[in-house]
Amino acid sequence: MIPIRDTVPSRIRPLTTWTIILANVGVFIYELTLGPEQLLQLFQNFGVVPAFLEEVLRKPFDPLGYLPVFSSMFLHSGWLHLGFNLWTFWIFADNVEDRMGHGRFLVFYLLCGIVSGIVHALLNAGSTLPAVGASGAIAGVLGAYSFLYPRGRVIVLVPLFFIPYFFQLPAFFFLGVWFLMQLLSGTIAIGMRATGGVAWWAHVGGFVAGALLHRLFVSRQRPAPVEYGLQGGWVRRPRRGPFRSDEDW
């Protein structure tokens, strides 16, 4: 199932969402200027390497030691990796930012990414393979969205025999199935002792972090918007007016 869009209107300009997208695209453009060996070195230095992070966790707190947990959120291994991550982020992030405000949303996003990187490292102990990508932080956004807009709808594309079919699914169901798939895949990967490929446990860790922490960041001044039905998902969704800047720290 490929998400196409949701049906919940956004009432603000999602400035933080746009900024995060531009930052990821800018870093990826820089990656394209590097050769294969330089790119691998970049991933090793600034991606989450579980074996290295284990050593950092055992030592006295050193902020620089945790830099890869932050920087890995802005690195991607290819066009598809970047495109799918940012497309998913674009669909769901504006509504979460709507409820949190620009500043709170940024802190929330980064915190979910950090938690996801640590969870990945702990459950892939000893691995020297770098994990990169924004998917752990984005999973945190999905976790928050599933609880903030459980009655929202997600329009998904399901290609059957090369014929595109569009379905409308409740957000809580769609994101719940996605989470269970990550959990199942991560469990299978542990059973098979697979340390490469998709960082399933980063997704699980980020989603759980988002589900548990989002209430700490939601502004009481920002009630949930009226949710559109299926028809509303295909039209331009009007913003319901900006909020005061002092609520957008």
C-alpha atoms as a PDB file:
ATOM      1  CA  MET A   1       0.000   0.000   0.000  1.00  0.00           C
ATOM      2  CA  ILE A   2       1.398   3.349  -1.063  1.00  0.00           C
ATOM      3  CA  PRO A   3       0.003   6.391   0.767  1.00  0.00           C
ATOM      4  CA  ILE A   4      -1.133   9.125  -1.588  1.00  0.00           C
ATOM      5  CA  ARG A   5      -2.472  11.714   0.823  1.00  0.00           C
ATOM      6  CA  ASP A   6      -4.530  12.150   3.951  1.00  0.00           C
ATOM      7  CA  THR A   7      -7.854  13.947   4.318  1.00  0.00           C
ATOM      8  CA  VAL A   8      -7.104  16.130   7.340  1.00  0.00           C
ATOM      9  CA  PRO A   9      -6.747  19.864   6.582  1.00  0.00           C
ATOM     10  CA  SER A  10      -3.687  21.757   7.707  1.00  0.00           C
ATOM     11  CA  ARG A  11      -4.360  25.240   9.089  1.00  0.00           C
ATOM     12  CA  ILE A  12      -0.821  26.629   9.017  1.00  0.00           C
ATOM     13  CA  ARG A  13       2.070  26.858   6.641  1.00  0.00           C
ATOM     14  CA  PRO A  14       4.219  23.896   7.725  1.00  0.00           C
ATOM     15  CA  LEU A  15       7.487  25.837   7.801  1.00  0.00           C
ATOM     16  CA  THR A  16       9.359  23.247   9.846  1.00  0.00           C
ATOM     17  CA  THR A  17       8.214  20.437   7.559  1.00  0.00           C
ATOM     18  CA  TRP A  18       9.433  22.363   4.521  1.00  0.00           C
ATOM     19  CA  THR A  19      12.744  23.144   6.214  1.00  0.00           C
ATOM     20  CA  ILE A  20      13.389  19.502   7.117  1.00  0.00           C
ATOM     21  CA  ILE A  21      12.598  18.420   3.561  1.00  0.00           C
ATOM     22  CA  LEU A  22      14.934  21.048   2.095  1.00  0.00           C
ATOM     23  CA  ALA A  23      17.690  20.059   4.529  1.00  0.00           C
ATOM     24  CA  ASN A  24      17.445  16.413   3.475  1.00  0.00           C
ATOM     25  CA  VAL A  25      17.428  17.318  -0.204  1.00  0.00           C
ATOM     26  CA  GLY A  26      20.425  19.649   0.273  1.00  0.00           C
ATOM     27  CA  VAL A  27      22.466  16.956   2.014  1.00  0.00           C
ATOM     28  CA  PHE A  28      21.548  14.438  -0.686  1.00  0.00           C
ATOM     29  CA  ILE A  29      22.702  16.826  -3.414  1.00  0.00           C
ATOM     30  CA  TYR A  30      26.016  17.026  -1.570  1.00  0.00           C
ATOM     31  CA  GLU A  31      26.158  13.215  -1.479  1.00  0.00           C
ATOM     32  CA  LEU A  32      25.809  13.143  -5.268  1.00  0.00           C
ATOM     33  CA  THR A  33      29.079  15.062  -5.588  1.00  0.00           C
ATOM     34  CA  LEU A  34      31.012  12.346  -3.738  1.00  0.00           C
ATOM     35  CA  GLY A  35      32.662   9.258  -5.119  1.00  0.00           C
ATOM     36  CA  PRO A  36      31.758   5.750  -3.840  1.00  0.00           C
ATOM     37  CA  GLU A  37      34.603   5.635  -1.304  1.00  0.00           C
ATOM     38  CA  GLN A  38      33.927   9.162  -0.051  1.00  0.00           C
ATOM     39  CA  LEU A  39      30.227   8.382   0.317  1.00  0.00           C
ATOM     40  CA  LEU A  40      30.966   5.221   2.289  1.00  0.00           C
ATOM     41  CA  GLN A  41      33.282   7.192   4.551  1.00  0.00           C
ATOM     42  CA  LEU A  42      30.560   9.804   5.065  1.00  0.00           C
ATOM     43  CA  PHE A  43      28.106   7.095   6.112  1.00  0.00           C
ATOM     44  CA  GLN A  44      30.660   5.524   8.457  1.00  0.00           C
ATOM     45  CA  ASN A  45      31.437   8.847  10.130  1.00  0.00           C
ATOM     46  CA  PHE A  46      27.952  10.321  10.308  1.00  0.00           C
ATOM     47  CA  GLY A  47      25.636   7.294  10.189  1.00  0.00           C
ATOM     48  CA  VAL A  48      24.596   5.209  13.197  1.00  0.00           C
ATOM     49  CA  VAL A  49      27.161   2.413  13.594  1.00  0.00           C
ATOM     50  CA  PRO A  50      25.902   0.200  16.456  1.00  0.00           C
ATOM     51  CA  ALA A  51      29.343  -1.030  17.492  1.00  0.00           C
ATOM     52  CA  PHE A  52      30.615   2.540  17.795  1.00  0.00           C
ATOM     53  CA  LEU A  53      27.496   3.789  19.583  1.00  0.00           C
ATOM     54  CA  GLU A  54      27.778   0.962  22.111  1.00  0.00           C
ATOM     55  CA  GLU A  55      31.177   2.280  23.138  1.00  0.00           C
ATOM     56  CA  VAL A  56      29.807   5.820  23.408  1.00  0.00           C
ATOM     57  CA  LEU A  57      26.966   4.655  25.671  1.00  0.00           C
ATOM     58  CA  ARG A  58      29.434   2.975  28.050  1.00  0.00           C
ATOM     59  CA  LYS A  59      31.581   6.075  28.476  1.00  0.00           C
ATOM     60  CA  PRO A  60      30.841   9.321  30.359  1.00  0.00           C
ATOM     61  CA  PHE A  61      28.490  11.579  28.447  1.00  0.00           C
ATOM     62  CA  ASP A  62      30.160  13.114  25.413  1.00  0.00           C
ATOM     63  CA  PRO A  63      27.858  15.172  23.144  1.00  0.00           C
ATOM     64  CA  LEU A  64      30.118  14.688  20.103  1.00  0.00           C
ATOM     65  CA  GLY A  65      29.834  10.928  20.479  1.00  0.00           C
ATOM     66  CA  TYR A  66      26.111  11.174  19.813  1.00  0.00           C
ATOM     67  CA  LEU A  67      26.499  13.373  16.736  1.00  0.00           C
ATOM     68  CA  PRO A  68      25.947  10.451  14.299  1.00  0.00           C
ATOM     69  CA  VAL A  69      22.544   9.761  15.881  1.00  0.00           C
ATOM     70  CA  PHE A  70      21.571  13.278  14.811  1.00  0.00           C
ATOM     71  CA  SER A  71      23.403  13.499  11.478  1.00  0.00           C
ATOM     72  CA  SER A  72      22.192  10.101  10.251  1.00  0.00           C
ATOM     73  CA  MET A  73      18.669  11.557   9.983  1.00  0.00           C
ATOM     74  CA  PHE A  74      19.772  13.688   7.032  1.00  0.00           C
ATOM     75  CA  LEU A  75      21.657  11.040   5.042  1.00  0.00           C
ATOM     76  CA  HIS A  76      20.091   8.767   2.425  1.00  0.00           C
ATOM     77  CA  SER A  77      21.449   5.891   0.384  1.00  0.00           C
ATOM     78  CA  GLY A  78      19.682   6.626  -2.901  1.00  0.00           C
ATOM     79  CA  TRP A  79      16.894   8.364  -4.784  1.00  0.00           C
ATOM     80  CA  LEU A  80      14.194   5.861  -3.800  1.00  0.00           C
ATOM     81  CA  HIS A  81      15.265   5.961  -0.153  1.00  0.00           C
ATOM     82  CA  LEU A  82      15.075   9.746  -0.129  1.00  0.00           C
ATOM     83  CA  GLY A  83      11.919  10.013  -2.218  1.00  0.00           C
ATOM     84  CA  PHE A  84       9.791   7.548  -0.291  1.00  0.00           C
ATOM     85  CA  ASN A  85      10.875   8.935   3.084  1.00  0.00           C
ATOM     86  CA  LEU A  86      10.140  12.540   2.170  1.00  0.00           C
ATOM     87  CA  TRP A  87       6.868  11.689   0.434  1.00  0.00           C
ATOM     88  CA  THR A  88       5.598   9.910   3.545  1.00  0.00           C
ATOM     89  CA  PHE A  89       6.853  12.755   5.712  1.00  0.00           C
ATOM     90  CA  TRP A  90       5.109  15.330   3.548  1.00  0.00           C
ATOM     91  CA  ILE A  91       1.739  13.557   3.832  1.00  0.00           C
ATOM     92  CA  PHE A  92       1.647  13.307   7.620  1.00  0.00           C
ATOM     93  CA  ALA A  93       4.029  15.899   9.069  1.00  0.00           C
ATOM     94  CA  ASP A  94       2.056  19.069   8.317  1.00  0.00           C
ATOM     95  CA  ASN A  95      -0.858  17.948  10.486  1.00  0.00           C
ATOM     96  CA  VAL A  96       1.381  17.020  13.407  1.00  0.00           C
ATOM     97  CA  GLU A  97       3.192  20.359  13.099  1.00  0.00           C
ATOM     98  CA  ASP A  98      -0.249  21.998  13.035  1.00  0.00           C
ATOM     99  CA  ARG A  99      -1.002  20.621  16.507  1.00  0.00           C
ATOM    100  CA  MET A 100       2.443  21.260  17.983  1.00  0.00           C
ATOM    101  CA  GLY A 101       3.661  24.487  16.442  1.00  0.00           C
ATOM    102  CA  HIS A 102       6.871  24.967  14.492  1.00  0.00           C
ATOM    103  CA  GLY A 103       9.411  24.884  17.302  1.00  0.00           C
ATOM    104  CA  ARG A 104       7.845  22.077  19.307  1.00  0.00           C
ATOM    105  CA  PHE A 105       7.510  19.972  16.187  1.00  0.00           C
ATOM    106  CA  LEU A 106      11.192  20.364  15.337  1.00  0.00           C
ATOM    107  CA  VAL A 107      12.252  19.247  18.822  1.00  0.00           C
ATOM    108  CA  PHE A 108       9.791  16.353  18.692  1.00  0.00           C
ATOM    109  CA  TYR A 109      11.033  15.211  15.278  1.00  0.00           C
ATOM    110  CA  LEU A 110      14.690  15.266  16.284  1.00  0.00           C
ATOM    111  CA  LEU A 111      13.987  13.524  19.585  1.00  0.00           C
ATOM    112  CA  CYS A 112      12.142  10.688  17.832  1.00  0.00           C
ATOM    113  CA  GLY A 113      15.057  10.333  15.413  1.00  0.00           C
ATOM    114  CA  ILE A 114      17.563  10.127  18.266  1.00  0.00           C
ATOM    115  CA  VAL A 115      15.497   7.495  20.098  1.00  0.00           C
ATOM    116  CA  SER A 116      15.124   5.459  16.912  1.00  0.00           C
ATOM    117  CA  GLY A 117      18.884   5.493  16.311  1.00  0.00           C
ATOM    118  CA  ILE A 118      19.641   4.319  19.863  1.00  0.00           C
ATOM    119  CA  VAL A 119      17.025   1.536  19.649  1.00  0.00           C
ATOM    120  CA  HIS A 120      18.501   0.391  16.352  1.00  0.00           C
ATOM    121  CA  ALA A 121      21.995   0.305  17.845  1.00  0.00           C
ATOM    122  CA  LEU A 122      20.913  -1.618  20.949  1.00  0.00           C
ATOM    123  CA  LEU A 123      19.108  -4.291  18.939  1.00  0.00           C
ATOM    124  CA  ASN A 124      21.904  -4.656  16.378  1.00  0.00           C
ATOM    125  CA  ALA A 125      24.739  -4.869  18.895  1.00  0.00           C
ATOM    126  CA  GLY A 126      28.169  -5.315  17.408  1.00  0.00           C
ATOM    127  CA  SER A 127      27.172  -4.401  13.861  1.00  0.00           C
ATOM    128  CA  THR A 128      29.643  -2.222  11.989  1.00  0.00           C
ATOM    129  CA  LEU A 129      27.180  -1.358   9.221  1.00  0.00           C
ATOM    130  CA  PRO A 130      26.085   2.295   9.249  1.00  0.00           C
ATOM    131  CA  ALA A 131      22.370   3.042   9.331  1.00  0.00           C
ATOM    132  CA  VAL A 132      21.248   6.215   7.569  1.00  0.00           C
ATOM    133  CA  GLY A 133      17.946   7.826   6.736  1.00  0.00           C
ATOM    134  CA  ALA A 134      15.142   9.924   8.176  1.00  0.00           C
ATOM    135  CA  SER A 135      12.729   6.989   8.479  1.00  0.00           C
ATOM    136  CA  GLY A 136      13.157   6.583  12.253  1.00  0.00           C
ATOM    137  CA  ALA A 137      12.265  10.221  12.899  1.00  0.00           C
ATOM    138  CA  ILE A 138       9.442  10.022  10.355  1.00  0.00           C
ATOM    139  CA  ALA A 139       8.129   6.929  12.143  1.00  0.00           C
ATOM    140  CA  GLY A 140       7.828   9.145  15.219  1.00  0.00           C
ATOM    141  CA  VAL A 141       5.636  11.504  13.203  1.00  0.00           C
ATOM    142  CA  LEU A 142       3.490   8.541  12.139  1.00  0.00           C
ATOM    143  CA  GLY A 143       3.163   7.425  15.746  1.00  0.00           C
ATOM    144  CA  ALA A 144       1.967  10.877  16.760  1.00  0.00           C
ATOM    145  CA  TYR A 145      -0.412  11.158  13.802  1.00  0.00           C
ATOM    146  CA  SER A 146      -2.063   7.809  14.577  1.00  0.00           C
ATOM    147  CA  PHE A 147      -3.127   9.120  17.993  1.00  0.00           C
ATOM    148  CA  LEU A 148      -3.804  12.735  17.070  1.00  0.00           C
ATOM    149  CA  TYR A 149      -5.981  11.891  14.048  1.00  0.00           C
ATOM    150  CA  PRO A 150      -7.213   8.304  14.526  1.00  0.00           C
ATOM    151  CA  ARG A 151     -10.432   9.043  12.617  1.00  0.00           C
ATOM    152  CA  GLY A 152      -8.618  10.688   9.740  1.00  0.00           C
ATOM    153  CA  ARG A 153      -8.468   8.918   6.410  1.00  0.00           C
ATOM    154  CA  VAL A 154      -5.495   7.933   4.282  1.00  0.00           C
ATOM    155  CA  ILE A 155      -5.927   7.432   0.557  1.00  0.00           C
ATOM    156  CA  VAL A 156      -3.663   4.579  -0.534  1.00  0.00           C
ATOM    157  CA  LEU A 157      -2.692   3.133  -3.879  1.00  0.00           C
ATOM    158  CA  VAL A 158      -2.646  -0.642  -4.304  1.00  0.00           C
ATOM    159  CA  PRO A 159      -1.370  -1.809  -7.725  1.00  0.00           C
ATOM    160  CA  LEU A 160      -2.981  -5.126  -8.690  1.00  0.00           C
ATOM    161  CA  PHE A 161      -1.771  -6.675 -11.931  1.00  0.00           C
ATOM    162  CA  PHE A 162      -0.488  -3.252 -13.024  1.00  0.00           C
ATOM    163  CA  ILE A 163      -3.924  -1.692 -12.444  1.00  0.00           C
ATOM    164  CA  PRO A 164      -3.955   1.071  -9.813  1.00  0.00           C
ATOM    165  CA  TYR A 165      -6.689   0.800  -7.195  1.00  0.00           C
ATOM    166  CA  PHE A 166      -7.334   3.556  -4.684  1.00  0.00           C
ATOM    167  CA  PHE A 167      -8.715   2.869  -1.242  1.00  0.00           C
ATOM    168  CA  GLN A 168      -9.609   5.010   1.740  1.00  0.00           C
ATOM    169  CA  LEU A 169      -8.438   3.591   5.068  1.00  0.00           C
ATOM    170  CA  PRO A 170      -8.743   4.918   8.633  1.00  0.00           C
ATOM    171  CA  ALA A 171      -5.430   6.438   9.667  1.00  0.00           C
ATOM    172  CA  PHE A 172      -5.225   4.394  12.854  1.00  0.00           C
ATOM    173  CA  PHE A 173      -5.717   1.166  10.868  1.00  0.00           C
ATOM    174  CA  PHE A 174      -3.252   2.047   8.099  1.00  0.00           C
ATOM    175  CA  LEU A 175      -0.521   3.201  10.481  1.00  0.00           C
ATOM    176  CA  GLY A 176      -1.237   0.355  12.908  1.00  0.00           C
ATOM    177  CA  VAL A 177      -0.720  -2.198  10.134  1.00  0.00           C
ATOM    178  CA  TRP A 178       2.459  -0.401   9.095  1.00  0.00           C
ATOM    179  CA  PHE A 179       3.785  -0.557  12.661  1.00  0.00           C
ATOM    180  CA  LEU A 180       2.969  -4.262  13.036  1.00  0.00           C
ATOM    181  CA  MET A 181       4.798  -4.976   9.764  1.00  0.00           C
ATOM    182  CA  GLN A 182       7.898  -3.200  11.068  1.00  0.00           C
ATOM    183  CA  LEU A 183       7.682  -5.094  14.371  1.00  0.00           C
ATOM    184  CA  LEU A 184       7.244  -8.444  12.635  1.00  0.00           C
ATOM    185  CA  SER A 185      10.038  -7.764  10.148  1.00  0.00           C
ATOM    186  CA  GLY A 186      12.374  -6.653  12.943  1.00  0.00           C
ATOM    187  CA  THR A 187      11.614  -9.789  14.963  1.00  0.00           C
ATOM    188  CA  ILE A 188      12.301 -11.994  11.945  1.00  0.00           C
ATOM    189  CA  ALA A 189      15.561 -10.138  11.284  1.00  0.00           C
ATOM    190  CA  ILE A 190      16.702 -10.812  14.863  1.00  0.00           C
ATOM    191  CA  GLY A 191      15.764 -14.475  14.522  1.00  0.00           C
ATOM    192  CA  MET A 192      17.772 -14.740  11.314  1.00  0.00           C
ATOM    193  CA  ARG A 193      20.589 -12.655  12.840  1.00  0.00           C
ATOM    194  CA  ALA A 194      20.408 -10.282   9.890  1.00  0.00           C
ATOM    195  CA  THR A 195      22.167  -6.985  10.544  1.00  0.00           C
ATOM    196  CA  GLY A 196      21.939  -5.362   7.105  1.00  0.00           C
ATOM    197  CA  GLY A 197      19.095  -4.040   4.991  1.00  0.00           C
ATOM    198  CA  VAL A 198      16.183  -2.079   6.414  1.00  0.00           C
ATOM    199  CA  ALA A 199      16.560  -0.709   9.944  1.00  0.00           C
ATOM    200  CA  TRP A 200      13.270  -2.176  11.158  1.00  0.00           C
ATOM    201  CA  TRP A 201      13.917  -1.491  14.829  1.00  0.00           C
ATOM    202  CA  ALA A 202      14.680   2.154  14.132  1.00  0.00           C
ATOM    203  CA  HIS A 203      11.151   2.368  12.713  1.00  0.00           C
ATOM    204  CA  VAL A 204       9.683   0.586  15.715  1.00  0.00           C
ATOM    205  CA  GLY A 205      11.623   2.746  18.179  1.00  0.00           C
ATOM    206  CA  GLY A 206      10.693   5.969  16.412  1.00  0.00           C
ATOM    207  CA  PHE A 207       7.004   5.058  16.171  1.00  0.00           C
ATOM    208  CA  VAL A 208       6.766   4.114  19.847  1.00  0.00           C
ATOM    209  CA  ALA A 209       8.627   7.288  20.830  1.00  0.00           C
ATOM    210  CA  GLY A 210       6.201   9.392  18.795  1.00  0.00           C
ATOM    211  CA  ALA A 211       3.173   7.624  20.243  1.00  0.00           C
ATOM    212  CA  LEU A 212       4.394   8.067  23.817  1.00  0.00           C
ATOM    213  CA  LEU A 213       5.897  11.559  23.629  1.00  0.00           C
ATOM    214  CA  HIS A 214       3.565  13.487  21.356  1.00  0.00           C
ATOM    215  CA  ARG A 215       1.285  14.642  24.185  1.00  0.00           C
ATOM    216  CA  LEU A 216       4.202  16.507  25.742  1.00  0.00           C
ATOM    217  CA  PHE A 217       4.534  18.642  22.611  1.00  0.00           C
ATOM    218  CA  VAL A 218       0.935  19.250  21.547  1.00  0.00           C
ATOM    219  CA  SER A 219      -0.201  22.798  22.269  1.00  0.00           C
ATOM    220  CA  ARG A 220      -3.470  23.168  24.153  1.00  0.00           C
ATOM    221  CA  GLN A 221      -4.175  26.194  21.981  1.00  0.00           C
ATOM    222  CA  ARG A 222      -4.395  23.954  18.920  1.00  0.00           C
ATOM    223  CA  PRO A 223      -7.548  21.807  18.834  1.00  0.00           C
ATOM    224  CA  ALA A 224      -7.943  19.151  16.173  1.00  0.00           C
ATOM    225  CA  PRO A 225      -9.326  20.460  12.863  1.00  0.00           C
ATOM    226  CA  VAL A 226     -12.483  19.242  11.196  1.00  0.00           C
ATOM    227  CA  GLU A 227     -11.612  16.118   9.223  1.00  0.00           C
ATOM    228  CA  TYR A 228     -12.621  15.754   5.605  1.00  0.00           C
ATOM    229  CA  GLY A 229     -14.115  12.653   4.077  1.00  0.00           C
ATOM    230  CA  LEU A 230     -12.966  10.938   0.918  1.00  0.00           C
ATOM    231  CA  GLN A 231     -14.020  13.746  -1.428  1.00  0.00           C
ATOM    232  CA  GLY A 232     -12.109  16.263   0.669  1.00  0.00           C
ATOM    233  CA  GLY A 233      -8.952  14.270   0.154  1.00  0.00           C
ATOM    234  CA  TRP A 234      -8.901  15.147  -3.551  1.00  0.00           C
ATOM    235  CA  VAL A 235      -9.471  18.880  -3.326  1.00  0.00           C
ATOM    236  CA  ARG A 236      -7.224  21.647  -2.150  1.00  0.00           C
ATOM    237  CA  ARG A 237      -7.558  21.821   1.610  1.00  0.00           C
ATOM    238  CA  PRO A 238      -7.993  25.376   2.905  1.00  0.00           C
ATOM    239  CA  ARG A 239      -6.029  26.573   5.866  1.00  0.00           C
ATOM    240  CA  ARG A 240      -8.177  27.731   8.748  1.00  0.00           C
ATOM    241  CA  GLY A 241      -6.115  30.786   9.561  1.00  0.00           C
ATOM    242  CA  PRO A 242      -2.684  31.239  11.132  1.00  0.00           C
ATOM    243  CA  PHE A 243      -1.989  30.952  14.827  1.00  0.00           C
ATOM    244  CA  ARG A 244      -0.335  33.640  16.856  1.00  0.00           C
ATOM    245  CA  SER A 245       3.431  33.622  16.583  1.00  0.00           C
ATOM    246  CA  ASP A 246       3.920  33.402  20.350  1.00  0.00           C
ATOM    247  CA  GLU A 247       2.367  29.930  20.241  1.00  0.00           C
ATOM    248  CA  ASP A 248       4.772  28.738  17.545  1.00  0.00           C
ATOM    249  CA  TRP A 249       8.041  28.648  19.493  1.00  0.00           C
END
